[in-house]
Amino acid sequence: MGVKRDWRFRLHEIIFGTETPAGRAFDVLLMVSIFLSVGVVMLDSVAAVSAAHGRLLAGLEWFFTLLFTAEYLLRLACVARPRRYAMSFFGIVDLLAILPTYLTLVLPGAEIFLVIRILRVLRVFRVLKLVQYLGEANLLVRALRASLRKITVFLFAVLCLVVVFGSLIYAIEGEAHGFTSIPKSIYWAIVTMTTVGYGDISPQTSFGQTLAALVMIVGYSIIAVPTGMVTVEIGRQLQSHRSGGRSCPGCGAAGHDDDASYCKICGAAL
């Protein structure tokens, strides 16, 4: 029992830790593999390259798929709660990195070529695996998660505003000026409020242009709101981030304080 626990602990230190030479070497090797695998996917989408080197690209794709499959299984093996890790963000990303290639084996046939193509594109999700090797990215993810409720309320308020502005511009301009429905007018309000300004439809009357100017001003004033929310949370995360890459052996979550005895996510002993 002790040998098994020691084996899992050592494997966890290599895969999830960054303090040891073996852990750093593992991360570097995996990052290089991710970059190369994404490059293979991109080259496979070029018709001329795929026609000339299709067999080579297919072989490389299966090589990386098997490599990431082994990595995924090892991650599940070295954590105390595999199911929790599998349902986490990085667990889902790891699964997306390997699942599309295997699905192409059970979905043959020219009639579903579009599905195969979508599955191939999904392999680019491997690039998201790089996030877990960047401490700053992990900090940003935690800050976004902490400010999720505030941003949700903010987005709901913005949604109410675009519905109101869209309805007003529909009543002012009408179908004669391209605002053929309230949903299309709401689309105009979103494009205008975000200062994108495609210009495919625009108000022609004085009242409509006045409303458009108001929407633009409101758009500029609200852009900084979510940025401020996330900035505050990033500051809090920076203050509490003293662990230096310490991760939970149970679920793999990182960012624990030096004096923490238990994981703040799953409650496992650190």
C-alpha atoms as a PDB file:
ATOM      1  CA  MET A   1       0.000   0.000   0.000  1.00  0.00           C
ATOM      2  CA  GLY A   2       2.850   2.356   0.890  1.00  0.00           C
ATOM      3  CA  VAL A   3       4.677   1.513  -2.344  1.00  0.00           C
ATOM      4  CA  LYS A   4       1.543   2.246  -4.371  1.00  0.00           C
ATOM      5  CA  ARG A   5       1.044   5.568  -2.599  1.00  0.00           C
ATOM      6  CA  ASP A   6       4.713   6.460  -3.104  1.00  0.00           C
ATOM      7  CA  TRP A   7       4.461   5.611  -6.813  1.00  0.00           C
ATOM      8  CA  ARG A   8       1.393   7.794  -7.241  1.00  0.00           C
ATOM      9  CA  PHE A   9       2.997  10.622  -5.272  1.00  0.00           C
ATOM     10  CA  ARG A  10       6.133  10.575  -7.424  1.00  0.00           C
ATOM     11  CA  LEU A  11       4.079  10.491 -10.610  1.00  0.00           C
ATOM     12  CA  HIS A  12       1.946  13.378  -9.348  1.00  0.00           C
ATOM     13  CA  GLU A  13       5.053  15.444  -8.623  1.00  0.00           C
ATOM     14  CA  ILE A  14       6.311  14.906 -12.177  1.00  0.00           C
ATOM     15  CA  ILE A  15       3.032  15.536 -14.007  1.00  0.00           C
ATOM     16  CA  PHE A  16       1.453  18.290 -11.910  1.00  0.00           C
ATOM     17  CA  GLY A  17       4.488  19.801 -10.209  1.00  0.00           C
ATOM     18  CA  THR A  18       6.987  22.243 -11.636  1.00  0.00           C
ATOM     19  CA  GLU A  19       9.489  22.363  -8.778  1.00  0.00           C
ATOM     20  CA  THR A  20      11.530  19.277  -9.707  1.00  0.00           C
ATOM     21  CA  PRO A  21      13.799  18.861 -12.769  1.00  0.00           C
ATOM     22  CA  ALA A  22      11.674  15.906 -13.890  1.00  0.00           C
ATOM     23  CA  GLY A  23       8.499  18.002 -13.617  1.00  0.00           C
ATOM     24  CA  ARG A  24       9.997  20.846 -15.631  1.00  0.00           C
ATOM     25  CA  ALA A  25      11.295  18.440 -18.277  1.00  0.00           C
ATOM     26  CA  PHE A  26       7.858  16.825 -18.519  1.00  0.00           C
ATOM     27  CA  ASP A  27       6.193  20.208 -19.021  1.00  0.00           C
ATOM     28  CA  VAL A  28       8.673  21.283 -21.689  1.00  0.00           C
ATOM     29  CA  LEU A  29       8.293  17.989 -23.567  1.00  0.00           C
ATOM     30  CA  LEU A  30       4.526  18.241 -23.454  1.00  0.00           C
ATOM     31  CA  MET A  31       4.475  21.863 -24.597  1.00  0.00           C
ATOM     32  CA  VAL A  32       6.672  21.016 -27.576  1.00  0.00           C
ATOM     33  CA  SER A  33       4.370  18.101 -28.410  1.00  0.00           C
ATOM     34  CA  ILE A  34       1.328  20.363 -28.246  1.00  0.00           C
ATOM     35  CA  PHE A  35       2.855  22.907 -30.605  1.00  0.00           C
ATOM     36  CA  LEU A  36       3.896  20.195 -33.058  1.00  0.00           C
ATOM     37  CA  SER A  37       0.507  18.458 -32.960  1.00  0.00           C
ATOM     38  CA  VAL A  38      -1.361  21.712 -33.611  1.00  0.00           C
ATOM     39  CA  GLY A  39       1.045  22.362 -36.491  1.00  0.00           C
ATOM     40  CA  VAL A  40       0.170  18.947 -37.944  1.00  0.00           C
ATOM     41  CA  VAL A  41      -3.545  19.773 -37.748  1.00  0.00           C
ATOM     42  CA  MET A  42      -2.986  23.088 -39.526  1.00  0.00           C
ATOM     43  CA  LEU A  43      -0.865  21.519 -42.279  1.00  0.00           C
ATOM     44  CA  ASP A  44      -3.497  18.830 -42.770  1.00  0.00           C
ATOM     45  CA  SER A  45      -6.024  21.571 -43.602  1.00  0.00           C
ATOM     46  CA  VAL A  46      -3.859  22.762 -46.550  1.00  0.00           C
ATOM     47  CA  ALA A  47      -5.020  20.783 -49.576  1.00  0.00           C
ATOM     48  CA  ALA A  48      -1.654  20.705 -51.374  1.00  0.00           C
ATOM     49  CA  VAL A  49       0.278  19.594 -48.269  1.00  0.00           C
ATOM     50  CA  SER A  50      -2.357  17.035 -47.334  1.00  0.00           C
ATOM     51  CA  ALA A  51      -2.328  15.539 -50.835  1.00  0.00           C
ATOM     52  CA  ALA A  52       1.461  15.261 -50.914  1.00  0.00           C
ATOM     53  CA  HIS A  53       2.101  14.150 -47.322  1.00  0.00           C
ATOM     54  CA  GLY A  54      -1.261  12.836 -46.170  1.00  0.00           C
ATOM     55  CA  ARG A  55       0.074   9.505 -44.927  1.00  0.00           C
ATOM     56  CA  LEU A  56       2.865  11.151 -42.953  1.00  0.00           C
ATOM     57  CA  LEU A  57       0.487  13.642 -41.375  1.00  0.00           C
ATOM     58  CA  ALA A  58      -1.930  10.849 -40.464  1.00  0.00           C
ATOM     59  CA  GLY A  59       0.879   8.898 -38.820  1.00  0.00           C
ATOM     60  CA  LEU A  60       2.021  11.951 -36.854  1.00  0.00           C
ATOM     61  CA  GLU A  61      -1.553  12.644 -35.800  1.00  0.00           C
ATOM     62  CA  TRP A  62      -1.936   9.150 -34.360  1.00  0.00           C
ATOM     63  CA  PHE A  63       1.442   9.412 -32.664  1.00  0.00           C
ATOM     64  CA  PHE A  64       0.408  12.591 -30.854  1.00  0.00           C
ATOM     65  CA  THR A  65      -3.026  11.174 -30.086  1.00  0.00           C
ATOM     66  CA  LEU A  66      -1.513   8.118 -28.417  1.00  0.00           C
ATOM     67  CA  LEU A  67       0.978  10.336 -26.576  1.00  0.00           C
ATOM     68  CA  PHE A  68      -1.768  12.581 -25.202  1.00  0.00           C
ATOM     69  CA  THR A  69      -3.890   9.532 -24.386  1.00  0.00           C
ATOM     70  CA  ALA A  70      -1.080   8.113 -22.253  1.00  0.00           C
ATOM     71  CA  GLU A  71      -0.656  11.497 -20.562  1.00  0.00           C
ATOM     72  CA  TYR A  72      -4.409  11.704 -19.851  1.00  0.00           C
ATOM     73  CA  LEU A  73      -4.500   8.233 -18.337  1.00  0.00           C
ATOM     74  CA  LEU A  74      -1.433   8.960 -16.196  1.00  0.00           C
ATOM     75  CA  ARG A  75      -3.078  12.124 -14.882  1.00  0.00           C
ATOM     76  CA  LEU A  76      -6.155  10.141 -13.889  1.00  0.00           C
ATOM     77  CA  ALA A  77      -3.985   7.471 -12.281  1.00  0.00           C
ATOM     78  CA  CYS A  78      -1.970   9.781 -10.043  1.00  0.00           C
ATOM     79  CA  VAL A  79      -4.813  11.846  -8.552  1.00  0.00           C
ATOM     80  CA  ALA A  80      -6.882  10.594  -5.637  1.00  0.00           C
ATOM     81  CA  ARG A  81     -10.161  11.627  -7.275  1.00  0.00           C
ATOM     82  CA  PRO A  82      -9.964  10.858 -10.996  1.00  0.00           C
ATOM     83  CA  ARG A  83     -13.598  11.677 -11.670  1.00  0.00           C
ATOM     84  CA  ARG A  84     -13.227  15.176 -10.236  1.00  0.00           C
ATOM     85  CA  TYR A  85     -10.193  15.842 -12.409  1.00  0.00           C
ATOM     86  CA  ALA A  86     -11.940  14.413 -15.491  1.00  0.00           C
ATOM     87  CA  MET A  87     -14.821  16.864 -14.978  1.00  0.00           C
ATOM     88  CA  SER A  88     -12.532  19.843 -14.389  1.00  0.00           C
ATOM     89  CA  PHE A  89     -11.642  22.403 -17.079  1.00  0.00           C
ATOM     90  CA  PHE A  90      -8.232  20.909 -17.811  1.00  0.00           C
ATOM     91  CA  GLY A  91      -9.633  17.370 -17.688  1.00  0.00           C
ATOM     92  CA  ILE A  92     -12.169  18.249 -20.377  1.00  0.00           C
ATOM     93  CA  VAL A  93      -9.465  19.945 -22.451  1.00  0.00           C
ATOM     94  CA  ASP A  94      -7.300  16.822 -22.180  1.00  0.00           C
ATOM     95  CA  LEU A  95     -10.233  14.718 -23.383  1.00  0.00           C
ATOM     96  CA  LEU A  96     -10.956  17.070 -26.292  1.00  0.00           C
ATOM     97  CA  ALA A  97      -7.322  16.732 -27.316  1.00  0.00           C
ATOM     98  CA  ILE A  98      -7.691  13.006 -28.016  1.00  0.00           C
ATOM     99  CA  LEU A  99     -11.401  12.290 -28.541  1.00  0.00           C
ATOM    100  CA  PRO A 100     -11.862  13.662 -32.106  1.00  0.00           C
ATOM    101  CA  THR A 101      -9.209  11.371 -33.582  1.00  0.00           C
ATOM    102  CA  TYR A 102     -10.822   8.283 -32.050  1.00  0.00           C
ATOM    103  CA  LEU A 103     -14.288   9.376 -33.153  1.00  0.00           C
ATOM    104  CA  THR A 104     -13.157   9.444 -36.776  1.00  0.00           C
ATOM    105  CA  LEU A 105     -12.697   5.652 -36.529  1.00  0.00           C
ATOM    106  CA  VAL A 106     -16.360   5.038 -35.734  1.00  0.00           C
ATOM    107  CA  LEU A 107     -17.756   7.678 -38.111  1.00  0.00           C
ATOM    108  CA  PRO A 108     -16.564   6.576 -41.574  1.00  0.00           C
ATOM    109  CA  GLY A 109     -18.222   7.434 -44.844  1.00  0.00           C
ATOM    110  CA  ALA A 110     -18.272  10.270 -47.332  1.00  0.00           C
ATOM    111  CA  GLU A 111     -21.793  11.319 -46.347  1.00  0.00           C
ATOM    112  CA  ILE A 112     -20.570  12.576 -42.994  1.00  0.00           C
ATOM    113  CA  PHE A 113     -17.451  14.302 -44.313  1.00  0.00           C
ATOM    114  CA  LEU A 114     -18.558  17.554 -42.677  1.00  0.00           C
ATOM    115  CA  VAL A 115     -18.650  15.849 -39.254  1.00  0.00           C
ATOM    116  CA  ILE A 116     -15.157  14.443 -39.806  1.00  0.00           C
ATOM    117  CA  ARG A 117     -13.943  17.901 -40.755  1.00  0.00           C
ATOM    118  CA  ILE A 118     -15.397  19.407 -37.574  1.00  0.00           C
ATOM    119  CA  LEU A 119     -13.751  16.704 -35.474  1.00  0.00           C
ATOM    120  CA  ARG A 120     -10.406  17.462 -37.096  1.00  0.00           C
ATOM    121  CA  VAL A 121     -10.747  21.139 -36.306  1.00  0.00           C
ATOM    122  CA  LEU A 122     -11.572  20.295 -32.682  1.00  0.00           C
ATOM    123  CA  ARG A 123      -8.059  18.892 -32.315  1.00  0.00           C
ATOM    124  CA  VAL A 124      -6.820  22.484 -32.230  1.00  0.00           C
ATOM    125  CA  PHE A 125      -8.224  22.533 -28.677  1.00  0.00           C
ATOM    126  CA  ARG A 126      -4.913  20.960 -27.731  1.00  0.00           C
ATOM    127  CA  VAL A 127      -3.478  24.448 -27.656  1.00  0.00           C
ATOM    128  CA  LEU A 128      -5.617  25.057 -24.548  1.00  0.00           C
ATOM    129  CA  LYS A 129      -3.505  22.465 -22.771  1.00  0.00           C
ATOM    130  CA  LEU A 130      -0.734  25.067 -22.735  1.00  0.00           C
ATOM    131  CA  VAL A 131      -2.738  27.161 -20.273  1.00  0.00           C
ATOM    132  CA  GLN A 132      -2.049  24.827 -17.377  1.00  0.00           C
ATOM    133  CA  TYR A 133       1.722  25.364 -17.771  1.00  0.00           C
ATOM    134  CA  LEU A 134       1.512  29.137 -17.379  1.00  0.00           C
ATOM    135  CA  GLY A 135       1.147  30.343 -13.808  1.00  0.00           C
ATOM    136  CA  GLU A 136      -0.153  33.724 -14.956  1.00  0.00           C
ATOM    137  CA  ALA A 137      -2.846  32.039 -17.042  1.00  0.00           C
ATOM    138  CA  ASN A 138      -3.955  29.953 -14.065  1.00  0.00           C
ATOM    139  CA  LEU A 139      -4.178  33.130 -12.007  1.00  0.00           C
ATOM    140  CA  LEU A 140      -6.286  34.775 -14.707  1.00  0.00           C
ATOM    141  CA  VAL A 141      -8.628  31.773 -14.845  1.00  0.00           C
ATOM    142  CA  ARG A 142      -9.144  31.922 -11.078  1.00  0.00           C
ATOM    143  CA  ALA A 143      -9.796  35.675 -11.279  1.00  0.00           C
ATOM    144  CA  LEU A 144     -12.380  35.182 -14.036  1.00  0.00           C
ATOM    145  CA  ARG A 145     -14.056  32.427 -12.048  1.00  0.00           C
ATOM    146  CA  ALA A 146     -14.209  34.634  -8.947  1.00  0.00           C
ATOM    147  CA  SER A 147     -15.778  37.510 -10.884  1.00  0.00           C
ATOM    148  CA  LEU A 148     -18.166  35.304 -12.882  1.00  0.00           C
ATOM    149  CA  ARG A 149     -21.306  36.253 -10.957  1.00  0.00           C
ATOM    150  CA  LYS A 150     -20.599  39.982 -11.190  1.00  0.00           C
ATOM    151  CA  ILE A 151     -19.896  39.748 -14.912  1.00  0.00           C
ATOM    152  CA  THR A 152     -23.085  37.712 -15.406  1.00  0.00           C
ATOM    153  CA  VAL A 153     -25.179  40.419 -13.742  1.00  0.00           C
ATOM    154  CA  PHE A 154     -23.388  43.046 -15.835  1.00  0.00           C
ATOM    155  CA  LEU A 155     -24.050  41.152 -19.081  1.00  0.00           C
ATOM    156  CA  PHE A 156     -27.723  40.817 -18.136  1.00  0.00           C
ATOM    157  CA  ALA A 157     -27.898  44.600 -17.701  1.00  0.00           C
ATOM    158  CA  VAL A 158     -26.223  45.095 -21.090  1.00  0.00           C
ATOM    159  CA  LEU A 159     -28.724  42.671 -22.629  1.00  0.00           C
ATOM    160  CA  CYS A 160     -31.580  44.754 -21.270  1.00  0.00           C
ATOM    161  CA  LEU A 161     -30.010  47.907 -22.711  1.00  0.00           C
ATOM    162  CA  VAL A 162     -29.586  46.494 -26.219  1.00  0.00           C
ATOM    163  CA  VAL A 163     -33.182  45.247 -26.198  1.00  0.00           C
ATOM    164  CA  VAL A 164     -34.409  48.716 -25.243  1.00  0.00           C
ATOM    165  CA  PHE A 165     -32.161  50.508 -27.749  1.00  0.00           C
ATOM    166  CA  GLY A 166     -33.021  48.014 -30.471  1.00  0.00           C
ATOM    167  CA  SER A 167     -36.735  48.465 -29.919  1.00  0.00           C
ATOM    168  CA  LEU A 168     -36.389  52.254 -29.956  1.00  0.00           C
ATOM    169  CA  ILE A 169     -34.419  52.351 -33.190  1.00  0.00           C
ATOM    170  CA  TYR A 170     -36.948  49.985 -34.772  1.00  0.00           C
ATOM    171  CA  ALA A 171     -39.771  52.339 -33.798  1.00  0.00           C
ATOM    172  CA  ILE A 172     -37.871  55.431 -35.007  1.00  0.00           C
ATOM    173  CA  GLU A 173     -36.374  54.169 -38.293  1.00  0.00           C
ATOM    174  CA  GLY A 174     -38.698  51.367 -39.347  1.00  0.00           C
ATOM    175  CA  GLU A 175     -38.411  48.975 -42.264  1.00  0.00           C
ATOM    176  CA  ALA A 176     -37.849  51.748 -44.798  1.00  0.00           C
ATOM    177  CA  HIS A 177     -34.311  52.299 -43.488  1.00  0.00           C
ATOM    178  CA  GLY A 178     -33.322  48.639 -43.101  1.00  0.00           C
ATOM    179  CA  PHE A 179     -34.570  47.989 -39.566  1.00  0.00           C
ATOM    180  CA  THR A 180     -36.959  45.262 -40.677  1.00  0.00           C
ATOM    181  CA  SER A 181     -37.471  43.631 -37.267  1.00  0.00           C
ATOM    182  CA  ILE A 182     -36.709  44.073 -33.586  1.00  0.00           C
ATOM    183  CA  PRO A 183     -34.130  41.217 -33.571  1.00  0.00           C
ATOM    184  CA  LYS A 184     -32.261  42.874 -36.451  1.00  0.00           C
ATOM    185  CA  SER A 185     -32.472  46.196 -34.628  1.00  0.00           C
ATOM    186  CA  ILE A 186     -31.050  44.547 -31.513  1.00  0.00           C
ATOM    187  CA  TYR A 187     -28.194  43.282 -33.670  1.00  0.00           C
ATOM    188  CA  TRP A 188     -27.570  46.894 -34.736  1.00  0.00           C
ATOM    189  CA  ALA A 189     -27.629  48.004 -31.099  1.00  0.00           C
ATOM    190  CA  ILE A 190     -25.042  45.354 -30.142  1.00  0.00           C
ATOM    191  CA  VAL A 191     -22.759  46.285 -33.050  1.00  0.00           C
ATOM    192  CA  THR A 192     -23.060  49.983 -32.208  1.00  0.00           C
ATOM    193  CA  MET A 193     -22.691  49.629 -28.442  1.00  0.00           C
ATOM    194  CA  THR A 194     -19.551  47.527 -28.804  1.00  0.00           C
ATOM    195  CA  THR A 195     -18.191  50.202 -31.205  1.00  0.00           C
ATOM    196  CA  VAL A 196     -17.682  47.586 -33.933  1.00  0.00           C
ATOM    197  CA  GLY A 197     -19.744  49.503 -36.485  1.00  0.00           C
ATOM    198  CA  TYR A 198     -20.121  47.207 -39.497  1.00  0.00           C
ATOM    199  CA  GLY A 199     -22.201  49.806 -41.291  1.00  0.00           C
ATOM    200  CA  ASP A 200     -24.517  47.282 -42.963  1.00  0.00           C
ATOM    201  CA  ILE A 201     -27.495  49.145 -41.478  1.00  0.00           C
ATOM    202  CA  SER A 202     -27.475  52.655 -40.085  1.00  0.00           C
ATOM    203  CA  PRO A 203     -30.055  55.213 -38.984  1.00  0.00           C
ATOM    204  CA  GLN A 204     -31.043  57.854 -41.527  1.00  0.00           C
ATOM    205  CA  THR A 205     -33.275  60.181 -39.513  1.00  0.00           C
ATOM    206  CA  SER A 206     -32.149  62.835 -37.069  1.00  0.00           C
ATOM    207  CA  PHE A 207     -33.788  61.080 -34.118  1.00  0.00           C
ATOM    208  CA  GLY A 208     -32.209  57.789 -35.092  1.00  0.00           C
ATOM    209  CA  GLN A 209     -28.748  59.306 -35.409  1.00  0.00           C
ATOM    210  CA  THR A 210     -29.154  60.993 -32.021  1.00  0.00           C
ATOM    211  CA  LEU A 211     -30.063  57.658 -30.479  1.00  0.00           C
ATOM    212  CA  ALA A 212     -27.071  56.062 -32.218  1.00  0.00           C
ATOM    213  CA  ALA A 213     -24.758  58.677 -30.708  1.00  0.00           C
ATOM    214  CA  LEU A 214     -26.218  57.944 -27.265  1.00  0.00           C
ATOM    215  CA  VAL A 215     -25.691  54.205 -27.748  1.00  0.00           C
ATOM    216  CA  MET A 216     -22.051  54.804 -28.735  1.00  0.00           C
ATOM    217  CA  ILE A 217     -21.416  56.922 -25.638  1.00  0.00           C
ATOM    218  CA  VAL A 218     -23.036  54.300 -23.416  1.00  0.00           C
ATOM    219  CA  GLY A 219     -20.934  51.643 -25.137  1.00  0.00           C
ATOM    220  CA  TYR A 220     -17.693  53.460 -24.343  1.00  0.00           C
ATOM    221  CA  SER A 221     -18.753  53.948 -20.725  1.00  0.00           C
ATOM    222  CA  ILE A 222     -19.550  50.292 -20.072  1.00  0.00           C
ATOM    223  CA  ILE A 223     -16.514  48.727 -21.758  1.00  0.00           C
ATOM    224  CA  ALA A 224     -14.363  49.424 -18.695  1.00  0.00           C
ATOM    225  CA  VAL A 225     -16.803  47.831 -16.221  1.00  0.00           C
ATOM    226  CA  PRO A 226     -15.910  44.132 -16.712  1.00  0.00           C
ATOM    227  CA  THR A 227     -12.250  45.082 -17.057  1.00  0.00           C
ATOM    228  CA  GLY A 228     -12.362  46.714 -13.640  1.00  0.00           C
ATOM    229  CA  MET A 229     -14.093  43.686 -12.111  1.00  0.00           C
ATOM    230  CA  VAL A 230     -11.475  41.279 -13.400  1.00  0.00           C
ATOM    231  CA  THR A 231      -8.627  43.632 -12.440  1.00  0.00           C
ATOM    232  CA  VAL A 232      -9.794  43.718  -8.820  1.00  0.00           C
ATOM    233  CA  GLU A 233      -9.984  39.924  -8.696  1.00  0.00           C
ATOM    234  CA  ILE A 234      -6.525  39.615 -10.261  1.00  0.00           C
ATOM    235  CA  GLY A 235      -5.176  41.865  -7.516  1.00  0.00           C
ATOM    236  CA  ARG A 236      -6.737  39.633  -4.877  1.00  0.00           C
ATOM    237  CA  GLN A 237      -5.350  36.523  -6.502  1.00  0.00           C
ATOM    238  CA  LEU A 238      -1.868  38.068  -6.637  1.00  0.00           C
ATOM    239  CA  GLN A 239      -2.004  38.814  -2.920  1.00  0.00           C
ATOM    240  CA  SER A 240      -3.001  35.271  -2.027  1.00  0.00           C
ATOM    241  CA  HIS A 241      -0.761  33.544  -4.567  1.00  0.00           C
ATOM    242  CA  ARG A 242       2.290  32.453  -2.570  1.00  0.00           C
ATOM    243  CA  SER A 243       2.264  28.730  -3.231  1.00  0.00           C
ATOM    244  CA  GLY A 244       4.745  28.691  -6.132  1.00  0.00           C
ATOM    245  CA  GLY A 245       2.896  26.090  -8.196  1.00  0.00           C
ATOM    246  CA  ARG A 246       1.684  23.852  -5.357  1.00  0.00           C
ATOM    247  CA  SER A 247      -1.115  21.555  -6.536  1.00  0.00           C
ATOM    248  CA  CYS A 248      -3.606  19.202  -4.921  1.00  0.00           C
ATOM    249  CA  PRO A 249      -2.869  15.462  -5.203  1.00  0.00           C
ATOM    250  CA  GLY A 250      -6.597  14.790  -5.249  1.00  0.00           C
ATOM    251  CA  CYS A 251      -7.992  16.957  -8.034  1.00  0.00           C
ATOM    252  CA  GLY A 252      -4.887  18.699  -9.407  1.00  0.00           C
ATOM    253  CA  ALA A 253      -6.060  22.214  -8.480  1.00  0.00           C
ATOM    254  CA  ALA A 254      -3.238  24.702  -7.911  1.00  0.00           C
ATOM    255  CA  GLY A 255      -2.869  28.020  -6.097  1.00  0.00           C
ATOM    256  CA  HIS A 256      -2.968  26.908  -2.459  1.00  0.00           C
ATOM    257  CA  ASP A 257      -1.404  28.965   0.328  1.00  0.00           C
ATOM    258  CA  ASP A 258       1.776  27.726   1.976  1.00  0.00           C
ATOM    259  CA  ASP A 259       0.010  27.133   5.286  1.00  0.00           C
ATOM    260  CA  ALA A 260      -2.996  25.338   3.745  1.00  0.00           C
ATOM    261  CA  SER A 261      -3.591  21.804   5.014  1.00  0.00           C
ATOM    262  CA  TYR A 262      -6.493  20.874   2.757  1.00  0.00           C
ATOM    263  CA  CYS A 263      -7.491  21.551  -0.831  1.00  0.00           C
ATOM    264  CA  LYS A 264      -9.917  24.458  -1.216  1.00  0.00           C
ATOM    265  CA  ILE A 265     -11.657  22.658  -4.107  1.00  0.00           C
ATOM    266  CA  CYS A 266     -12.073  19.017  -3.076  1.00  0.00           C
ATOM    267  CA  GLY A 267     -10.940  19.025   0.583  1.00  0.00           C
ATOM    268  CA  ALA A 268      -8.140  16.489   0.118  1.00  0.00           C
ATOM    269  CA  ALA A 269      -5.128  16.681   2.427  1.00  0.00           C
ATOM    270  CA  LEU A 270      -2.181  18.573   0.911  1.00  0.00           C
END
